[in-house]
């Protein structure tokens, strides 16, 4: 994937997060949506859209559409018990701070 496509994909995502957090969140708060829901929606919805987009771009690059190739391409590997401690610790740290 070219650098221009990467900048476009992540630039759009970053812009959506920025405008959502600074403009969309206050708008939803005025409409009665609690802060925690409106903030997390605008923070994570654009990021969650990147995974299906990455699968689409993977397919458009002409790669074989098999589970083994997808696992290899995205470097999915099972998490060890120690890795799960880091994941849970990072989530707790993020929520607290």
PDB file of N, CA and C in Angstrom:
ATOM      1  N   UNK A   1       0.859  -1.166   0.000  1.00  0.00           N
ATOM      2  CA  UNK A   1       0.000   0.000   0.000  1.00  0.00           C
ATOM      3  C   UNK A   1       0.907   1.231   0.000  1.00  0.00           C
ATOM      4  N   UNK A   2       0.573   2.190  -0.816  1.00  0.00           N
ATOM      5  CA  UNK A   2       1.422   3.373  -0.932  1.00  0.00           C
ATOM      6  C   UNK A   2       1.290   4.268   0.298  1.00  0.00           C
ATOM      7  N   UNK A   3       2.276   5.109   0.485  1.00  0.00           N
ATOM      8  CA  UNK A   3       2.270   6.022   1.628  1.00  0.00           C
ATOM      9  C   UNK A   3       1.108   6.999   1.536  1.00  0.00           C
ATOM     10  N   UNK A   4       0.711   7.365   0.330  1.00  0.00           N
ATOM     11  CA  UNK A   4      -0.411   8.280   0.155  1.00  0.00           C
ATOM     12  C   UNK A   4      -1.716   7.655   0.647  1.00  0.00           C
ATOM     13  N   UNK A   5      -1.939   6.383   0.341  1.00  0.00           N
ATOM     14  CA  UNK A   5      -3.148   5.691   0.809  1.00  0.00           C
ATOM     15  C   UNK A   5      -3.125   5.569   2.330  1.00  0.00           C
ATOM     16  N   UNK A   6      -1.962   5.268   2.893  1.00  0.00           N
ATOM     17  CA  UNK A   6      -1.844   5.158   4.347  1.00  0.00           C
ATOM     18  C   UNK A   6      -2.141   6.490   5.015  1.00  0.00           C
ATOM     19  N   UNK A   7      -1.580   7.569   4.484  1.00  0.00           N
ATOM     20  CA  UNK A   7      -1.852   8.895   5.046  1.00  0.00           C
ATOM     21  C   UNK A   7      -3.323   9.240   4.924  1.00  0.00           C
ATOM     22  N   UNK A   8      -3.931   8.876   3.827  1.00  0.00           N
ATOM     23  CA  UNK A   8      -5.349   9.153   3.633  1.00  0.00           C
ATOM     24  C   UNK A   8      -6.202   8.383   4.634  1.00  0.00           C
ATOM     25  N   UNK A   9      -5.944   7.086   4.780  1.00  0.00           N
ATOM     26  CA  UNK A   9      -6.734   6.259   5.696  1.00  0.00           C
ATOM     27  C   UNK A   9      -6.588   6.745   7.131  1.00  0.00           C
ATOM     28  N   UNK A  10      -5.367   6.936   7.600  1.00  0.00           N
ATOM     29  CA  UNK A  10      -5.170   7.330   8.982  1.00  0.00           C
ATOM     30  C   UNK A  10      -5.446   8.823   9.198  1.00  0.00           C
ATOM     31  N   UNK A  11      -5.294   9.628   8.160  1.00  0.00           N
ATOM     32  CA  UNK A  11      -5.663  11.044   8.267  1.00  0.00           C
ATOM     33  C   UNK A  11      -7.154  11.221   8.431  1.00  0.00           C
ATOM     34  N   UNK A  12      -7.934  10.456   7.682  1.00  0.00           N
ATOM     35  CA  UNK A  12      -9.391  10.527   7.820  1.00  0.00           C
ATOM     36  C   UNK A  12      -9.806  10.039   9.198  1.00  0.00           C
ATOM     37  N   UNK A  13      -9.224   8.934   9.642  1.00  0.00           N
ATOM     38  CA  UNK A  13      -9.558   8.407  10.966  1.00  0.00           C
ATOM     39  C   UNK A  13      -9.194   9.405  12.062  1.00  0.00           C
ATOM     40  N   UNK A  14      -8.003   9.971  11.984  1.00  0.00           N
ATOM     41  CA  UNK A  14      -7.583  10.962  12.983  1.00  0.00           C
ATOM     42  C   UNK A  14      -8.469  12.188  12.972  1.00  0.00           C
ATOM     43  N   UNK A  15      -8.866  12.635  11.797  1.00  0.00           N
ATOM     44  CA  UNK A  15      -9.752  13.799  11.699  1.00  0.00           C
ATOM     45  C   UNK A  15     -11.119  13.500  12.302  1.00  0.00           C
ATOM     46  N   UNK A  16     -11.644  12.304  12.026  1.00  0.00           N
ATOM     47  CA  UNK A  16     -12.934  11.927  12.607  1.00  0.00           C
ATOM     48  C   UNK A  16     -12.871  11.886  14.137  1.00  0.00           C
ATOM     49  N   UNK A  17     -11.777  11.351  14.655  1.00  0.00           N
ATOM     50  CA  UNK A  17     -11.621  11.306  16.115  1.00  0.00           C
ATOM     51  C   UNK A  17     -11.529  12.727  16.675  1.00  0.00           C
ATOM     52  N   UNK A  18     -10.715  13.560  16.059  1.00  0.00           N
ATOM     53  CA  UNK A  18     -10.537  14.934  16.541  1.00  0.00           C
ATOM     54  C   UNK A  18     -11.860  15.695  16.547  1.00  0.00           C
ATOM     55  N   UNK A  19     -12.543  15.712  15.408  1.00  0.00           N
ATOM     56  CA  UNK A  19     -13.790  16.472  15.328  1.00  0.00           C
ATOM     57  C   UNK A  19     -14.895  15.839  16.167  1.00  0.00           C
ATOM     58  N   UNK A  20     -14.880  14.517  16.277  1.00  0.00           N
ATOM     59  CA  UNK A  20     -15.872  13.865  17.117  1.00  0.00           C
ATOM     60  C   UNK A  20     -15.704  14.197  18.585  1.00  0.00           C
ATOM     61  N   UNK A  21     -14.450  14.158  19.055  1.00  0.00           N
ATOM     62  CA  UNK A  21     -14.198  14.436  20.474  1.00  0.00           C
ATOM     63  C   UNK A  21     -14.447  15.907  20.800  1.00  0.00           C
ATOM     64  N   UNK A  22     -14.014  16.819  19.942  1.00  0.00           N
ATOM     65  CA  UNK A  22     -14.110  18.233  20.267  1.00  0.00           C
ATOM     66  C   UNK A  22     -15.412  18.891  19.845  1.00  0.00           C
ATOM     67  N   UNK A  23     -16.113  18.321  18.853  1.00  0.00           N
ATOM     68  CA  UNK A  23     -17.359  18.938  18.405  1.00  0.00           C
ATOM     69  C   UNK A  23     -18.560  18.009  18.557  1.00  0.00           C
ATOM     70  N   UNK A  24     -18.379  16.729  18.263  1.00  0.00           N
ATOM     71  CA  UNK A  24     -19.490  15.783  18.351  1.00  0.00           C
ATOM     72  C   UNK A  24     -19.889  15.462  19.780  1.00  0.00           C
ATOM     73  N   UNK A  25     -18.898  15.297  20.659  1.00  0.00           N
ATOM     74  CA  UNK A  25     -19.194  14.982  22.054  1.00  0.00           C
ATOM     75  C   UNK A  25     -20.026  16.074  22.718  1.00  0.00           C
ATOM     76  N   UNK A  26     -19.643  17.350  22.628  1.00  0.00           N
ATOM     77  CA  UNK A  26     -20.498  18.386  23.228  1.00  0.00           C
ATOM     78  C   UNK A  26     -21.903  18.427  22.615  1.00  0.00           C
ATOM     79  N   UNK A  27     -22.000  18.131  21.331  1.00  0.00           N
ATOM     80  CA  UNK A  27     -23.309  18.126  20.679  1.00  0.00           C
ATOM     81  C   UNK A  27     -24.203  17.028  21.249  1.00  0.00           C
ATOM     82  N   UNK A  28     -23.633  15.842  21.426  1.00  0.00           N
ATOM     83  CA  UNK A  28     -24.426  14.754  22.005  1.00  0.00           C
ATOM     84  C   UNK A  28     -24.760  15.012  23.470  1.00  0.00           C
ATOM     85  N   UNK A  29     -23.863  15.653  24.197  1.00  0.00           N
ATOM     86  CA  UNK A  29     -24.143  15.990  25.597  1.00  0.00           C
ATOM     87  C   UNK A  29     -25.326  16.945  25.678  1.00  0.00           C
ATOM     88  N   UNK A  30     -25.385  17.926  24.770  1.00  0.00           N
ATOM     89  CA  UNK A  30     -26.521  18.855  24.739  1.00  0.00           C
ATOM     90  C   UNK A  30     -27.829  18.135  24.435  1.00  0.00           C
ATOM     91  N   UNK A  31     -27.738  17.012  23.701  1.00  0.00           N
ATOM     92  CA  UNK A  31     -28.934  16.247  23.366  1.00  0.00           C
ATOM     93  C   UNK A  31     -29.296  15.239  24.456  1.00  0.00           C
ATOM     94  N   UNK A  32     -28.529  15.215  25.539  1.00  0.00           N
ATOM     95  CA  UNK A  32     -28.866  14.372  26.674  1.00  0.00           C
ATOM     96  C   UNK A  32     -28.124  13.054  26.775  1.00  0.00           C
ATOM     97  N   UNK A  33     -27.162  12.810  25.889  1.00  0.00           N
ATOM     98  CA  UNK A  33     -26.375  11.573  25.963  1.00  0.00           C
ATOM     99  C   UNK A  33     -25.291  11.770  27.023  1.00  0.00           C
ATOM    100  N   UNK A  34     -25.119  10.807  27.929  1.00  0.00           N
ATOM    101  CA  UNK A  34     -24.079  10.951  28.948  1.00  0.00           C
ATOM    102  C   UNK A  34     -22.688  11.074  28.328  1.00  0.00           C
ATOM    103  N   UNK A  35     -21.822  11.801  29.009  1.00  0.00           N
ATOM    104  CA  UNK A  35     -20.459  12.052  28.532  1.00  0.00           C
ATOM    105  C   UNK A  35     -19.703  10.772  28.227  1.00  0.00           C
ATOM    106  N   UNK A  36     -19.802   9.790  29.105  1.00  0.00           N
ATOM    107  CA  UNK A  36     -19.018   8.570  28.930  1.00  0.00           C
ATOM    108  C   UNK A  36     -19.365   7.871  27.624  1.00  0.00           C
ATOM    109  N   UNK A  37     -20.638   7.872  27.232  1.00  0.00           N
ATOM    110  CA  UNK A  37     -21.043   7.203  25.992  1.00  0.00           C
ATOM    111  C   UNK A  37     -20.662   8.014  24.760  1.00  0.00           C
ATOM    112  N   UNK A  38     -20.895   9.297  24.801  1.00  0.00           N
ATOM    113  CA  UNK A  38     -20.603  10.116  23.623  1.00  0.00           C
ATOM    114  C   UNK A  38     -19.093  10.198  23.369  1.00  0.00           C
ATOM    115  N   UNK A  39     -18.300  10.348  24.431  1.00  0.00           N
ATOM    116  CA  UNK A  39     -16.852  10.423  24.265  1.00  0.00           C
ATOM    117  C   UNK A  39     -16.296   9.123  23.707  1.00  0.00           C
ATOM    118  N   UNK A  40     -16.658   8.003  24.311  1.00  0.00           N
ATOM    119  CA  UNK A  40     -16.123   6.723  23.863  1.00  0.00           C
ATOM    120  C   UNK A  40     -16.598   6.374  22.467  1.00  0.00           C
ATOM    121  N   UNK A  41     -17.824   6.784  22.094  1.00  0.00           N
ATOM    122  CA  UNK A  41     -18.302   6.533  20.740  1.00  0.00           C
ATOM    123  C   UNK A  41     -17.417   7.240  19.719  1.00  0.00           C
ATOM    124  N   UNK A  42     -17.194   8.537  19.921  1.00  0.00           N
ATOM    125  CA  UNK A  42     -16.399   9.291  18.957  1.00  0.00           C
ATOM    126  C   UNK A  42     -14.918   8.930  19.006  1.00  0.00           C
ATOM    127  N   UNK A  43     -14.470   8.388  20.114  1.00  0.00           N
ATOM    128  CA  UNK A  43     -13.073   7.980  20.220  1.00  0.00           C
ATOM    129  C   UNK A  43     -12.819   6.643  19.528  1.00  0.00           C
ATOM    130  N   UNK A  44     -13.717   5.685  19.697  1.00  0.00           N
ATOM    131  CA  UNK A  44     -13.436   4.329  19.241  1.00  0.00           C
ATOM    132  C   UNK A  44     -14.143   3.918  17.956  1.00  0.00           C
ATOM    133  N   UNK A  45     -15.250   4.535  17.586  1.00  0.00           N
ATOM    134  CA  UNK A  45     -15.943   4.120  16.366  1.00  0.00           C
ATOM    135  C   UNK A  45     -15.073   4.254  15.115  1.00  0.00           C
ATOM    136  N   UNK A  46     -14.366   5.380  14.911  1.00  0.00           N
ATOM    137  CA  UNK A  46     -13.499   5.445  13.724  1.00  0.00           C
ATOM    138  C   UNK A  46     -12.375   4.413  13.755  1.00  0.00           C
ATOM    139  N   UNK A  47     -11.866   4.114  14.931  1.00  0.00           N
ATOM    140  CA  UNK A  47     -10.790   3.128  15.041  1.00  0.00           C
ATOM    141  C   UNK A  47     -11.316   1.731  14.720  1.00  0.00           C
ATOM    142  N   UNK A  48     -12.528   1.410  15.192  1.00  0.00           N
ATOM    143  CA  UNK A  48     -13.109   0.100  14.909  1.00  0.00           C
ATOM    144  C   UNK A  48     -13.423  -0.076  13.426  1.00  0.00           C
ATOM    145  N   UNK A  49     -13.633   1.010  12.731  1.00  0.00           N
ATOM    146  CA  UNK A  49     -13.892   0.923  11.285  1.00  0.00           C
ATOM    147  C   UNK A  49     -12.628   0.582  10.501  1.00  0.00           C
ATOM    148  N   UNK A  50     -11.458   0.738  11.106  1.00  0.00           N
ATOM    149  CA  UNK A  50     -10.214   0.433  10.402  1.00  0.00           C
ATOM    150  C   UNK A  50     -10.028  -1.063  10.139  1.00  0.00           C
ATOM    151  N   UNK A  51     -10.540  -1.921  11.017  1.00  0.00           N
ATOM    152  CA  UNK A  51     -10.343  -3.364  10.809  1.00  0.00           C
ATOM    153  C   UNK A  51     -11.065  -3.867   9.562  1.00  0.00           C
ATOM    154  N   UNK A  52     -12.381  -3.586   9.395  1.00  0.00           N
ATOM    155  CA  UNK A  52     -13.009  -4.016   8.142  1.00  0.00           C
ATOM    156  C   UNK A  52     -12.377  -3.353   6.917  1.00  0.00           C
ATOM    157  N   UNK A  53     -11.947  -2.106   7.064  1.00  0.00           N
ATOM    158  CA  UNK A  53     -11.288  -1.427   5.952  1.00  0.00           C
ATOM    159  C   UNK A  53      -9.967  -2.110   5.609  1.00  0.00           C
ATOM    160  N   UNK A  54      -9.231  -2.539   6.625  1.00  0.00           N
ATOM    161  CA  UNK A  54      -7.969  -3.222   6.363  1.00  0.00           C
ATOM    162  C   UNK A  54      -8.207  -4.561   5.663  1.00  0.00           C
ATOM    163  N   UNK A  55      -9.288  -5.263   6.016  1.00  0.00           N
ATOM    164  CA  UNK A  55      -9.618  -6.503   5.314  1.00  0.00           C
ATOM    165  C   UNK A  55      -9.982  -6.238   3.860  1.00  0.00           C
ATOM    166  N   UNK A  56     -10.724  -5.165   3.617  1.00  0.00           N
ATOM    167  CA  UNK A  56     -11.085  -4.804   2.250  1.00  0.00           C
ATOM    168  C   UNK A  56      -9.841  -4.457   1.433  1.00  0.00           C
ATOM    169  N   UNK A  57      -8.959  -3.644   2.002  1.00  0.00           N
ATOM    170  CA  UNK A  57      -7.735  -3.281   1.287  1.00  0.00           C
ATOM    171  C   UNK A  57      -6.834  -4.487   1.064  1.00  0.00           C
ATOM    172  N   UNK A  58      -6.802  -5.404   2.013  1.00  0.00           N
ATOM    173  CA  UNK A  58      -6.052  -6.658   1.855  1.00  0.00           C
ATOM    174  C   UNK A  58      -6.566  -7.423   0.635  1.00  0.00           C
ATOM    175  N   UNK A  59      -7.876  -7.501   0.510  1.00  0.00           N
ATOM    176  CA  UNK A  59      -8.485  -8.209  -0.611  1.00  0.00           C
ATOM    177  C   UNK A  59      -8.230  -7.476  -1.933  1.00  0.00           C
ATOM    178  N   UNK A  60      -8.303  -6.152  -1.914  1.00  0.00           N
ATOM    179  CA  UNK A  60      -8.094  -5.376  -3.135  1.00  0.00           C
ATOM    180  C   UNK A  60      -6.646  -5.417  -3.622  1.00  0.00           C
ATOM    181  N   UNK A  61      -5.710  -5.726  -2.732  1.00  0.00           N
ATOM    182  CA  UNK A  61      -4.311  -5.871  -3.133  1.00  0.00           C
ATOM    183  C   UNK A  61      -4.078  -7.163  -3.895  1.00  0.00           C
ATOM    184  N   UNK A  62      -5.081  -8.020  -3.968  1.00  0.00           N
ATOM    185  CA  UNK A  62      -4.976  -9.265  -4.729  1.00  0.00           C
ATOM    186  C   UNK A  62      -4.504 -10.446  -3.917  1.00  0.00           C
ATOM    187  N   UNK A  63      -4.561 -10.350  -2.604  1.00  0.00           N
ATOM    188  CA  UNK A  63      -4.132 -11.461  -1.759  1.00  0.00           C
ATOM    189  C   UNK A  63      -5.214 -12.533  -1.692  1.00  0.00           C
ATOM    190  N   UNK A  64      -4.787 -13.775  -1.458  1.00  0.00           N
ATOM    191  CA  UNK A  64      -5.724 -14.889  -1.354  1.00  0.00           C
ATOM    192  C   UNK A  64      -6.590 -14.715  -0.109  1.00  0.00           C
ATOM    193  N   UNK A  65      -7.851 -15.039  -0.252  1.00  0.00           N
ATOM    194  CA  UNK A  65      -8.827 -14.802   0.810  1.00  0.00           C
ATOM    195  C   UNK A  65      -8.996 -16.078   1.629  1.00  0.00           C
ATOM    196  N   UNK A  66      -7.906 -16.499   2.294  1.00  0.00           N
ATOM    197  CA  UNK A  66      -7.965 -17.672   3.167  1.00  0.00           C
ATOM    198  C   UNK A  66      -7.605 -17.240   4.588  1.00  0.00           C
ATOM    199  N   UNK A  67      -8.110 -18.011   5.547  1.00  0.00           N
ATOM    200  CA  UNK A  67      -7.885 -17.679   6.952  1.00  0.00           C
ATOM    201  C   UNK A  67      -6.391 -17.727   7.286  1.00  0.00           C
ATOM    202  N   UNK A  68      -5.673 -18.688   6.752  1.00  0.00           N
ATOM    203  CA  UNK A  68      -4.233 -18.810   7.028  1.00  0.00           C
ATOM    204  C   UNK A  68      -3.469 -17.594   6.507  1.00  0.00           C
ATOM    205  N   UNK A  69      -3.796 -17.128   5.307  1.00  0.00           N
ATOM    206  CA  UNK A  69      -3.125 -15.952   4.752  1.00  0.00           C
ATOM    207  C   UNK A  69      -3.452 -14.687   5.539  1.00  0.00           C
ATOM    208  N   UNK A  70      -4.692 -14.576   6.007  1.00  0.00           N
ATOM    209  CA  UNK A  70      -5.068 -13.402   6.810  1.00  0.00           C
ATOM    210  C   UNK A  70      -4.308 -13.412   8.129  1.00  0.00           C
ATOM    211  N   UNK A  71      -4.226 -14.574   8.774  1.00  0.00           N
ATOM    212  CA  UNK A  71      -3.470 -14.670  10.028  1.00  0.00           C
ATOM    213  C   UNK A  71      -2.007 -14.297   9.824  1.00  0.00           C
ATOM    214  N   UNK A  72      -1.441 -14.750   8.716  1.00  0.00           N
ATOM    215  CA  UNK A  72      -0.039 -14.446   8.424  1.00  0.00           C
ATOM    216  C   UNK A  72       0.156 -12.968   8.100  1.00  0.00           C
ATOM    217  N   UNK A  73      -0.738 -12.411   7.302  1.00  0.00           N
ATOM    218  CA  UNK A  73      -0.623 -11.005   6.878  1.00  0.00           C
ATOM    219  C   UNK A  73      -0.724 -10.036   8.047  1.00  0.00           C
ATOM    220  N   UNK A  74      -1.703 -10.269   8.929  1.00  0.00           N
ATOM    221  CA  UNK A  74      -1.915  -9.369  10.054  1.00  0.00           C
ATOM    222  C   UNK A  74      -1.141  -9.784  11.300  1.00  0.00           C
ATOM    223  N   UNK A  75      -0.352 -10.841  11.165  1.00  0.00           N
ATOM    224  CA  UNK A  75       0.526 -11.320  12.243  1.00  0.00           C
ATOM    225  C   UNK A  75      -0.249 -11.621  13.530  1.00  0.00           C
ATOM    226  N   UNK A  76      -1.419 -12.250  13.358  1.00  0.00           N
ATOM    227  CA  UNK A  76      -2.188 -12.673  14.529  1.00  0.00           C
ATOM    228  C   UNK A  76      -1.510 -13.890  15.131  1.00  0.00           C
ATOM    229  N   UNK A  77      -1.287 -13.854  16.428  1.00  0.00           N
ATOM    230  CA  UNK A  77      -0.738 -15.002  17.119  1.00  0.00           C
ATOM    231  C   UNK A  77      -1.416 -15.081  18.481  1.00  0.00           C
ATOM    232  N   UNK A  78      -1.501 -16.277  19.025  1.00  0.00           N
ATOM    233  CA  UNK A  78      -2.168 -16.419  20.329  1.00  0.00           C
ATOM    234  C   UNK A  78      -1.420 -15.644  21.414  1.00  0.00           C
ATOM    235  N   UNK A  79      -2.186 -15.045  22.328  1.00  0.00           N
ATOM    236  CA  UNK A  79      -1.586 -14.314  23.438  1.00  0.00           C
ATOM    237  C   UNK A  79      -1.252 -15.284  24.561  1.00  0.00           C
ATOM    238  N   UNK A  80      -0.093 -15.086  25.153  1.00  0.00           N
ATOM    239  CA  UNK A  80       0.294 -15.900  26.301  1.00  0.00           C
ATOM    240  C   UNK A  80      -0.386 -15.342  27.545  1.00  0.00           C
ATOM    241  N   UNK A  81      -0.286 -16.079  28.627  1.00  0.00           N
ATOM    242  CA  UNK A  81      -0.892 -15.623  29.884  1.00  0.00           C
ATOM    243  C   UNK A  81      -0.273 -14.290  30.325  1.00  0.00           C
ATOM    244  N   UNK A  82       1.025 -14.150  30.156  1.00  0.00           N
ATOM    245  CA  UNK A  82       1.712 -12.916  30.518  1.00  0.00           C
ATOM    246  C   UNK A  82       1.230 -11.742  29.656  1.00  0.00           C
ATOM    247  N   UNK A  83       0.979 -12.003  28.372  1.00  0.00           N
ATOM    248  CA  UNK A  83       0.454 -10.960  27.487  1.00  0.00           C
ATOM    249  C   UNK A  83      -0.907 -10.469  27.961  1.00  0.00           C
ATOM    250  N   UNK A  84      -1.757 -11.392  28.411  1.00  0.00           N
ATOM    251  CA  UNK A  84      -3.088 -10.999  28.889  1.00  0.00           C
ATOM    252  C   UNK A  84      -2.991 -10.104  30.121  1.00  0.00           C
ATOM    253  N   UNK A  85      -2.015 -10.351  30.988  1.00  0.00           N
ATOM    254  CA  UNK A  85      -1.807  -9.459  32.137  1.00  0.00           C
ATOM    255  C   UNK A  85      -1.477  -8.045  31.667  1.00  0.00           C
ATOM    256  N   UNK A  86      -0.636  -7.935  30.644  1.00  0.00           N
ATOM    257  CA  UNK A  86      -0.295  -6.626  30.102  1.00  0.00           C
ATOM    258  C   UNK A  86      -1.518  -5.941  29.487  1.00  0.00           C
ATOM    259  N   UNK A  87      -2.342  -6.697  28.787  1.00  0.00           N
ATOM    260  CA  UNK A  87      -3.542  -6.136  28.156  1.00  0.00           C
ATOM    261  C   UNK A  87      -4.498  -5.605  29.222  1.00  0.00           C
ATOM    262  N   UNK A  88      -4.790  -6.425  30.221  1.00  0.00           N
ATOM    263  CA  UNK A  88      -5.705  -6.001  31.285  1.00  0.00           C
ATOM    264  C   UNK A  88      -5.116  -4.814  32.049  1.00  0.00           C
ATOM    265  N   UNK A  89      -3.827  -4.862  32.334  1.00  0.00           N
ATOM    266  CA  UNK A  89      -3.180  -3.742  33.032  1.00  0.00           C
ATOM    267  C   UNK A  89      -3.243  -2.456  32.224  1.00  0.00           C
ATOM    268  N   UNK A  90      -3.034  -2.551  30.924  1.00  0.00           N
ATOM    269  CA  UNK A  90      -3.093  -1.356  30.071  1.00  0.00           C
ATOM    270  C   UNK A  90      -4.499  -0.783  30.015  1.00  0.00           C
ATOM    271  N   UNK A  91      -5.508  -1.656  29.957  1.00  0.00           N
ATOM    272  CA  UNK A  91      -6.902  -1.171  29.940  1.00  0.00           C
ATOM    273  C   UNK A  91      -7.232  -0.467  31.244  1.00  0.00           C
ATOM    274  N   UNK A  92      -6.868  -1.065  32.365  1.00  0.00           N
ATOM    275  CA  UNK A  92      -7.133  -0.442  33.670  1.00  0.00           C
ATOM    276  C   UNK A  92      -6.381   0.876  33.792  1.00  0.00           C
ATOM    277  N   UNK A  93      -5.134   0.892  33.368  1.00  0.00           N
ATOM    278  CA  UNK A  93      -4.338   2.130  33.418  1.00  0.00           C
ATOM    279  C   UNK A  93      -4.976   3.227  32.559  1.00  0.00           C
ATOM    280  N   UNK A  94      -5.448   2.841  31.370  1.00  0.00           N
ATOM    281  CA  UNK A  94      -6.068   3.821  30.462  1.00  0.00           C
ATOM    282  C   UNK A  94      -7.364   4.380  31.067  1.00  0.00           C
ATOM    283  N   UNK A  95      -8.169   3.521  31.647  1.00  0.00           N
ATOM    284  CA  UNK A  95      -9.447   3.983  32.221  1.00  0.00           C
ATOM    285  C   UNK A  95      -9.194   4.907  33.403  1.00  0.00           C
ATOM    286  N   UNK A  96      -8.217   4.562  34.243  1.00  0.00           N
ATOM    287  CA  UNK A  96      -7.946   5.382  35.436  1.00  0.00           C
ATOM    288  C   UNK A  96      -7.358   6.733  35.056  1.00  0.00           C
ATOM    289  N   UNK A  97      -6.407   6.738  34.140  1.00  0.00           N
ATOM    290  CA  UNK A  97      -5.728   7.995  33.808  1.00  0.00           C
ATOM    291  C   UNK A  97      -6.274   8.630  32.562  1.00  0.00           C
TER     292      UNK A  97
END
